[in-house]
C-alpha atoms as a PDB file:
ATOM      1  CA  UNK A   1     -76.189-138.860 -43.552  1.00  0.00           C
ATOM      2  CA  UNK A   2     -76.222-136.019 -41.512  1.00  0.00           C
ATOM      3  CA  UNK A   3     -76.048-136.770 -37.657  1.00  0.00           C
ATOM      4  CA  UNK A   4     -75.459-135.661 -34.212  1.00  0.00           C
ATOM      5  CA  UNK A   5     -73.014-137.219 -31.566  1.00  0.00           C
ATOM      6  CA  UNK A   6     -72.051-136.433 -28.349  1.00  0.00           C
ATOM      7  CA  UNK A   7     -68.964-136.494 -26.098  1.00  0.00           C
ATOM      8  CA  UNK A   8     -67.048-136.215 -23.024  1.00  0.00           C
ATOM      9  CA  UNK A   9     -64.434-133.348 -22.764  1.00  0.00           C
ATOM     10  CA  UNK A  10     -61.983-135.667 -24.305  1.00  0.00           C
ATOM     11  CA  UNK A  11     -64.042-136.845 -27.357  1.00  0.00           C
ATOM     12  CA  UNK A  12     -64.143-140.155 -25.783  1.00  0.00           C
ATOM     13  CA  UNK A  13     -67.717-142.376 -26.671  1.00  0.00           C
ATOM     14  CA  UNK A  14     -69.025-144.653 -23.838  1.00  0.00           C
ATOM     15  CA  UNK A  15     -69.401-147.912 -26.138  1.00  0.00           C
ATOM     16  CA  UNK A  16     -68.322-146.052 -28.869  1.00  0.00           C
ATOM     17  CA  UNK A  17     -66.762-149.343 -30.248  1.00  0.00           C
ATOM     18  CA  UNK A  18     -68.469-151.870 -28.711  1.00  0.00           C
ATOM     19  CA  UNK A  19     -65.999-152.253 -25.843  1.00  0.00           C
ATOM     20  CA  UNK A  20     -67.621-150.222 -22.346  1.00  0.00           C
ATOM     21  CA  UNK A  21     -64.247-148.104 -21.719  1.00  0.00           C
ATOM     22  CA  UNK A  22     -65.610-146.232 -25.110  1.00  0.00           C
ATOM     23  CA  UNK A  23     -63.602-144.786 -28.105  1.00  0.00           C
ATOM     24  CA  UNK A  24     -62.015-141.998 -28.477  1.00  0.00           C
ATOM     25  CA  UNK A  25     -62.431-139.354 -31.467  1.00  0.00           C
ATOM     26  CA  UNK A  26     -60.340-136.542 -33.398  1.00  0.00           C
ATOM     27  CA  UNK A  27     -61.792-134.119 -35.705  1.00  0.00           C
ATOM     28  CA  UNK A  28     -62.156-134.706 -39.130  1.00  0.00           C
ATOM     29  CA  UNK A  29     -60.803-138.341 -38.842  1.00  0.00           C
ATOM     30  CA  UNK A  30     -63.513-141.552 -39.529  1.00  0.00           C
ATOM     31  CA  UNK A  31     -64.157-144.690 -37.209  1.00  0.00           C
ATOM     32  CA  UNK A  32     -64.863-148.090 -39.210  1.00  0.00           C
ATOM     33  CA  UNK A  33     -66.792-151.700 -37.065  1.00  0.00           C
ATOM     34  CA  UNK A  34     -67.918-154.029 -39.155  1.00  0.00           C
ATOM     35  CA  UNK A  35     -71.667-153.841 -38.130  1.00  0.00           C
ATOM     36  CA  UNK A  36     -74.214-152.029 -36.842  1.00  0.00           C
ATOM     37  CA  UNK A  37     -77.213-152.937 -34.686  1.00  0.00           C
ATOM     38  CA  UNK A  38     -78.573-149.906 -32.306  1.00  0.00           C
ATOM     39  CA  UNK A  39     -77.999-151.172 -28.229  1.00  0.00           C
ATOM     40  CA  UNK A  40     -75.755-153.588 -29.757  1.00  0.00           C
ATOM     41  CA  UNK A  41     -72.504-152.290 -31.870  1.00  0.00           C
ATOM     42  CA  UNK A  42     -71.312-149.934 -34.251  1.00  0.00           C
ATOM     43  CA  UNK A  43     -71.241-146.390 -33.469  1.00  0.00           C
ATOM     44  CA  UNK A  44     -74.106-144.209 -32.537  1.00  0.00           C
ATOM     45  CA  UNK A  45     -75.477-140.961 -33.471  1.00  0.00           C
ATOM     46  CA  UNK A  46     -79.357-139.021 -33.420  1.00  0.00           C
ATOM     47  CA  UNK A  47     -80.683-136.861 -36.537  1.00  0.00           C
ATOM     48  CA  UNK A  48     -82.099-134.888 -33.425  1.00  0.00           C
ATOM     49  CA  UNK A  49     -79.086-133.494 -31.755  1.00  0.00           C
ATOM     50  CA  UNK A  50     -80.680-132.747 -28.405  1.00  0.00           C
ATOM     51  CA  UNK A  51     -81.374-136.178 -28.040  1.00  0.00           C
ATOM     52  CA  UNK A  52     -77.409-136.356 -27.241  1.00  0.00           C
ATOM     53  CA  UNK A  53     -77.993-134.384 -23.664  1.00  0.00           C
ATOM     54  CA  UNK A  54     -79.463-137.768 -22.152  1.00  0.00           C
ATOM     55  CA  UNK A  55     -75.668-139.153 -22.901  1.00  0.00           C
ATOM     56  CA  UNK A  56     -73.809-136.152 -22.372  1.00  0.00           C
ATOM     57  CA  UNK A  57     -75.794-132.945 -21.083  1.00  0.00           C
ATOM     58  CA  UNK A  58     -74.811-129.383 -21.865  1.00  0.00           C
ATOM     59  CA  UNK A  59     -72.617-128.527 -19.031  1.00  0.00           C
ATOM     60  CA  UNK A  60     -69.729-126.672 -20.613  1.00  0.00           C
ATOM     61  CA  UNK A  61     -67.227-129.650 -20.780  1.00  0.00           C
ATOM     62  CA  UNK A  62     -68.970-132.476 -22.707  1.00  0.00           C
ATOM     63  CA  UNK A  63     -69.149-131.883 -27.236  1.00  0.00           C
ATOM     64  CA  UNK A  64     -71.650-131.959 -29.587  1.00  0.00           C
ATOM     65  CA  UNK A  65     -70.673-132.794 -32.768  1.00  0.00           C
ATOM     66  CA  UNK A  66     -71.991-133.025 -36.666  1.00  0.00           C
ATOM     67  CA  UNK A  67     -71.124-136.263 -37.731  1.00  0.00           C
ATOM     68  CA  UNK A  68     -71.608-137.954 -40.561  1.00  0.00           C
ATOM     69  CA  UNK A  69     -72.784-141.540 -40.519  1.00  0.00           C
ATOM     70  CA  UNK A  70     -72.231-144.133 -43.725  1.00  0.00           C
ATOM     71  CA  UNK A  71     -71.858-147.262 -44.160  1.00  0.00           C
ATOM     72  CA  UNK A  72     -74.854-149.743 -43.058  1.00  0.00           C
ATOM     73  CA  UNK A  73     -77.000-147.328 -41.058  1.00  0.00           C
ATOM     74  CA  UNK A  74     -79.494-148.885 -38.281  1.00  0.00           C
ATOM     75  CA  UNK A  75     -82.035-146.751 -36.845  1.00  0.00           C
ATOM     76  CA  UNK A  76     -84.798-147.163 -34.142  1.00  0.00           C
ATOM     77  CA  UNK A  77     -88.039-145.618 -33.458  1.00  0.00           C
ATOM     78  CA  UNK A  78     -86.799-143.080 -30.788  1.00  0.00           C
ATOM     79  CA  UNK A  79     -84.360-142.038 -33.808  1.00  0.00           C
ATOM     80  CA  UNK A  80     -81.552-143.280 -32.971  1.00  0.00           C
ATOM     81  CA  UNK A  81     -78.625-144.791 -35.040  1.00  0.00           C
ATOM     82  CA  UNK A  82     -75.961-147.244 -35.547  1.00  0.00           C
ATOM     83  CA  UNK A  83     -73.938-146.858 -37.999  1.00  0.00           C
ATOM     84  CA  UNK A  84     -70.618-148.743 -39.577  1.00  0.00           C
ATOM     85  CA  UNK A  85     -68.637-145.728 -40.513  1.00  0.00           C
ATOM     86  CA  UNK A  86     -68.503-142.542 -39.077  1.00  0.00           C
ATOM     87  CA  UNK A  87     -66.873-139.438 -39.968  1.00  0.00           C
ATOM     88  CA  UNK A  88     -66.934-135.869 -37.138  1.00  0.00           C
ATOM     89  CA  UNK A  89     -66.987-133.064 -39.282  1.00  0.00           C
ATOM     90  CA  UNK A  90     -67.736-129.924 -36.503  1.00  0.00           C
ATOM     91  CA  UNK A  91     -67.692-129.402 -33.135  1.00  0.00           C
ATOM     92  CA  UNK A  92     -71.018-127.507 -32.278  1.00  0.00           C
ATOM     93  CA  UNK A  93     -71.263-124.175 -30.102  1.00  0.00           C
ATOM     94  CA  UNK A  94     -74.746-124.031 -28.150  1.00  0.00           C
ATOM     95  CA  UNK A  95     -75.859-121.925 -30.618  1.00  0.00           C
ATOM     96  CA  UNK A  96     -75.271-123.655 -33.263  1.00  0.00           C
ATOM     97  CA  UNK A  97     -76.716-127.218 -31.444  1.00  0.00           C
ATOM     98  CA  UNK A  98     -80.077-124.503 -31.065  1.00  0.00           C
ATOM     99  CA  UNK A  99     -80.340-123.690 -34.715  1.00  0.00           C
ATOM    100  CA  UNK A 100     -80.184-127.916 -35.654  1.00  0.00           C
ATOM    101  CA  UNK A 101     -82.490-128.110 -33.051  1.00  0.00           C
ATOM    102  CA  UNK A 102     -84.541-126.435 -34.141  1.00  0.00           C
ATOM    103  CA  UNK A 103     -84.150-127.072 -38.328  1.00  0.00           C
ATOM    104  CA  UNK A 104     -84.649-129.664 -37.216  1.00  0.00           C
ATOM    105  CA  UNK A 105     -88.250-129.626 -35.450  1.00  0.00           C
ATOM    106  CA  UNK A 106     -89.479-127.629 -38.717  1.00  0.00           C
ATOM    107  CA  UNK A 107     -88.007-130.728 -40.920  1.00  0.00           C
ATOM    108  CA  UNK A 108     -89.763-133.038 -38.943  1.00  0.00           C
ATOM    109  CA  UNK A 109     -92.715-131.307 -37.377  1.00  0.00           C
ATOM    110  CA  UNK A 110     -94.801-134.899 -36.805  1.00  0.00           C
ATOM    111  CA  UNK A 111     -92.012-136.441 -34.758  1.00  0.00           C
ATOM    112  CA  UNK A 112     -92.776-136.969 -31.205  1.00  0.00           C
ATOM    113  CA  UNK A 113     -90.385-137.034 -28.456  1.00  0.00           C
ATOM    114  CA  UNK A 114     -89.051-133.009 -29.493  1.00  0.00           C
ATOM    115  CA  UNK A 115     -90.137-131.728 -25.868  1.00  0.00           C
ATOM    116  CA  UNK A 116     -86.877-131.708 -23.590  1.00  0.00           C
ATOM    117  CA  UNK A 117     -86.178-131.064 -20.449  1.00  0.00           C
ATOM    118  CA  UNK A 118     -82.304-131.672 -20.042  1.00  0.00           C
ATOM    119  CA  UNK A 119     -79.449-129.499 -18.066  1.00  0.00           C
ATOM    120  CA  UNK A 120     -79.554-125.970 -19.524  1.00  0.00           C
ATOM    121  CA  UNK A 121     -81.600-127.454 -22.059  1.00  0.00           C
ATOM    122  CA  UNK A 122     -85.409-126.344 -22.414  1.00  0.00           C
ATOM    123  CA  UNK A 123     -87.630-127.235 -25.064  1.00  0.00           C
ATOM    124  CA  UNK A 124     -91.570-126.527 -24.519  1.00  0.00           C
ATOM    125  CA  UNK A 125     -94.818-126.906 -26.107  1.00  0.00           C
ATOM    126  CA  UNK A 126     -96.248-123.390 -25.619  1.00  0.00           C
ATOM    127  CA  UNK A 127     -93.733-121.425 -22.906  1.00  0.00           C
ATOM    128  CA  UNK A 128     -89.617-122.532 -22.537  1.00  0.00           C
ATOM    129  CA  UNK A 129     -87.834-120.454 -20.028  1.00  0.00           C
ATOM    130  CA  UNK A 130     -83.576-120.372 -19.600  1.00  0.00           C
ATOM    131  CA  UNK A 131     -82.422-119.502 -15.900  1.00  0.00           C
ATOM    132  CA  UNK A 132     -79.114-118.741 -16.988  1.00  0.00           C
ATOM    133  CA  UNK A 133     -77.004-117.162 -19.652  1.00  0.00           C
ATOM    134  CA  UNK A 134     -75.443-119.485 -21.982  1.00  0.00           C
ATOM    135  CA  UNK A 135     -79.010-121.676 -21.029  1.00  0.00           C
ATOM    136  CA  UNK A 136     -81.341-122.696 -24.002  1.00  0.00           C
ATOM    137  CA  UNK A 137     -85.323-122.717 -24.361  1.00  0.00           C
ATOM    138  CA  UNK A 138     -87.258-122.928 -27.097  1.00  0.00           C
ATOM    139  CA  UNK A 139     -90.916-122.907 -27.134  1.00  0.00           C
ATOM    140  CA  UNK A 140     -93.066-124.102 -29.995  1.00  0.00           C
ATOM    141  CA  UNK A 141     -96.655-123.793 -31.232  1.00  0.00           C
ATOM    142  CA  UNK A 142     -99.898-121.249 -31.858  1.00  0.00           C
ATOM    143  CA  UNK A 143     -98.356-118.261 -29.889  1.00  0.00           C
ATOM    144  CA  UNK A 144     -95.296-119.650 -28.064  1.00  0.00           C
ATOM    145  CA  UNK A 145     -93.545-117.409 -24.795  1.00  0.00           C
ATOM    146  CA  UNK A 146     -89.860-118.189 -24.202  1.00  0.00           C
ATOM    147  CA  UNK A 147     -88.219-115.814 -21.613  1.00  0.00           C
ATOM    148  CA  UNK A 148     -84.805-116.134 -19.670  1.00  0.00           C
ATOM    149  CA  UNK A 149     -82.136-113.699 -18.692  1.00  0.00           C
ATOM    150  CA  UNK A 150     -79.637-111.989 -21.047  1.00  0.00           C
ATOM    151  CA  UNK A 151     -77.515-114.160 -22.983  1.00  0.00           C
ATOM    152  CA  UNK A 152     -79.651-116.933 -22.805  1.00  0.00           C
ATOM    153  CA  UNK A 153     -80.382-118.548 -25.997  1.00  0.00           C
ATOM    154  CA  UNK A 154     -84.238-118.375 -27.017  1.00  0.00           C
ATOM    155  CA  UNK A 155     -85.785-119.712 -29.885  1.00  0.00           C
ATOM    156  CA  UNK A 156     -89.516-119.821 -31.277  1.00  0.00           C
ATOM    157  CA  UNK A 157     -91.336-121.757 -34.000  1.00  0.00           C
ATOM    158  CA  UNK A 158     -94.978-120.373 -34.675  1.00  0.00           C
ATOM    159  CA  UNK A 159     -97.407-123.062 -36.372  1.00  0.00           C
ATOM    160  CA  UNK A 160    -100.966-123.490 -37.062  1.00  0.00           C
ATOM    161  CA  UNK A 161    -103.033-126.040 -38.232  1.00  0.00           C
ATOM    162  CA  UNK A 162    -101.538-126.136 -41.609  1.00  0.00           C
ATOM    163  CA  UNK A 163     -98.013-126.207 -40.112  1.00  0.00           C
ATOM    164  CA  UNK A 164     -94.900-123.561 -39.877  1.00  0.00           C
ATOM    165  CA  UNK A 165     -95.831-119.935 -39.815  1.00  0.00           C
ATOM    166  CA  UNK A 166     -92.132-119.077 -38.527  1.00  0.00           C
ATOM    167  CA  UNK A 167     -89.450-119.108 -36.660  1.00  0.00           C
ATOM    168  CA  UNK A 168     -86.461-116.873 -35.159  1.00  0.00           C
ATOM    169  CA  UNK A 169     -83.515-118.285 -32.819  1.00  0.00           C
ATOM    170  CA  UNK A 170     -82.004-114.718 -30.727  1.00  0.00           C
ATOM    171  CA  UNK A 171     -79.636-114.605 -28.049  1.00  0.00           C
ATOM    172  CA  UNK A 172     -81.254-112.330 -25.296  1.00  0.00           C
ATOM    173  CA  UNK A 173     -80.575-108.861 -24.700  1.00  0.00           C
ATOM    174  CA  UNK A 174     -80.606-106.581 -21.568  1.00  0.00           C
ATOM    175  CA  UNK A 175     -83.853-105.095 -22.663  1.00  0.00           C
ATOM    176  CA  UNK A 176     -85.331-108.184 -23.255  1.00  0.00           C
ATOM    177  CA  UNK A 177     -84.204-110.006 -20.105  1.00  0.00           C
ATOM    178  CA  UNK A 178     -86.338-112.093 -17.818  1.00  0.00           C
ATOM    179  CA  UNK A 179     -89.809-110.709 -20.144  1.00  0.00           C
ATOM    180  CA  UNK A 180     -92.209-113.105 -21.529  1.00  0.00           C
ATOM    181  CA  UNK A 181     -91.234-112.709 -25.558  1.00  0.00           C
ATOM    182  CA  UNK A 182     -92.782-113.719 -28.362  1.00  0.00           C
ATOM    183  CA  UNK A 183     -93.005-112.556 -32.499  1.00  0.00           C
ATOM    184  CA  UNK A 184     -95.063-110.177 -34.100  1.00  0.00           C
ATOM    185  CA  UNK A 185     -96.464-111.568 -37.772  1.00  0.00           C
ATOM    186  CA  UNK A 186     -93.016-109.953 -39.133  1.00  0.00           C
ATOM    187  CA  UNK A 187     -91.084-111.893 -37.013  1.00  0.00           C
ATOM    188  CA  UNK A 188     -90.236-109.114 -34.570  1.00  0.00           C
ATOM    189  CA  UNK A 189     -89.337-110.589 -30.687  1.00  0.00           C
ATOM    190  CA  UNK A 190     -91.330-108.336 -28.427  1.00  0.00           C
ATOM    191  CA  UNK A 191     -92.560-108.316 -25.284  1.00  0.00           C
ATOM    192  CA  UNK A 192     -96.060-110.034 -24.997  1.00  0.00           C
ATOM    193  CA  UNK A 193     -97.586-107.407 -22.896  1.00  0.00           C
ATOM    194  CA  UNK A 194     -96.730-105.471 -26.231  1.00  0.00           C
ATOM    195  CA  UNK A 195     -97.263-107.993 -28.827  1.00  0.00           C
ATOM    196  CA  UNK A 196    -101.173-106.292 -29.645  1.00  0.00           C
ATOM    197  CA  UNK A 197     -99.765-102.431 -30.466  1.00  0.00           C
ATOM    198  CA  UNK A 198     -98.498-103.895 -33.474  1.00  0.00           C
END
């Protein structure tokens, strides 16, 4: 199954093989353990990429990877996965991480725990803000609004009573910088005060 795993800059995972000193990985490598149980042993990863940030924050050094979790798989209610076999598929950029986070929310709209307030990442109901270039802010709701400086990665997920209406991920331009932004019915990003004219 597709999942996400965080690592230190050296691709070290604390307790990655059940030992406190951790386990060092290599791109494309498959590692195996005999058994797995969440919080005890096996290789741990998450369905929601943002959940990795509680262990490996988006600080420009740590790495987030798309992984293939296989073999025996054990999951807990929080979305944490332990598996006996794991393969590192691809390192994710902040843009790709935001895209995967939005995909997770769209595919699993009723799951709890999607709101996040982490280092350089804010995912909130109705309104979210990034404060520096490269940061991520995603807002979700009936009329979500996002704000950030030029270079910030912003996402909007518009929903109604029946589910997803539309979503969009974009990087803030100079003209959009530090303005409250929302989506028109044709998915155009606009300054919220201009929305009525569309």
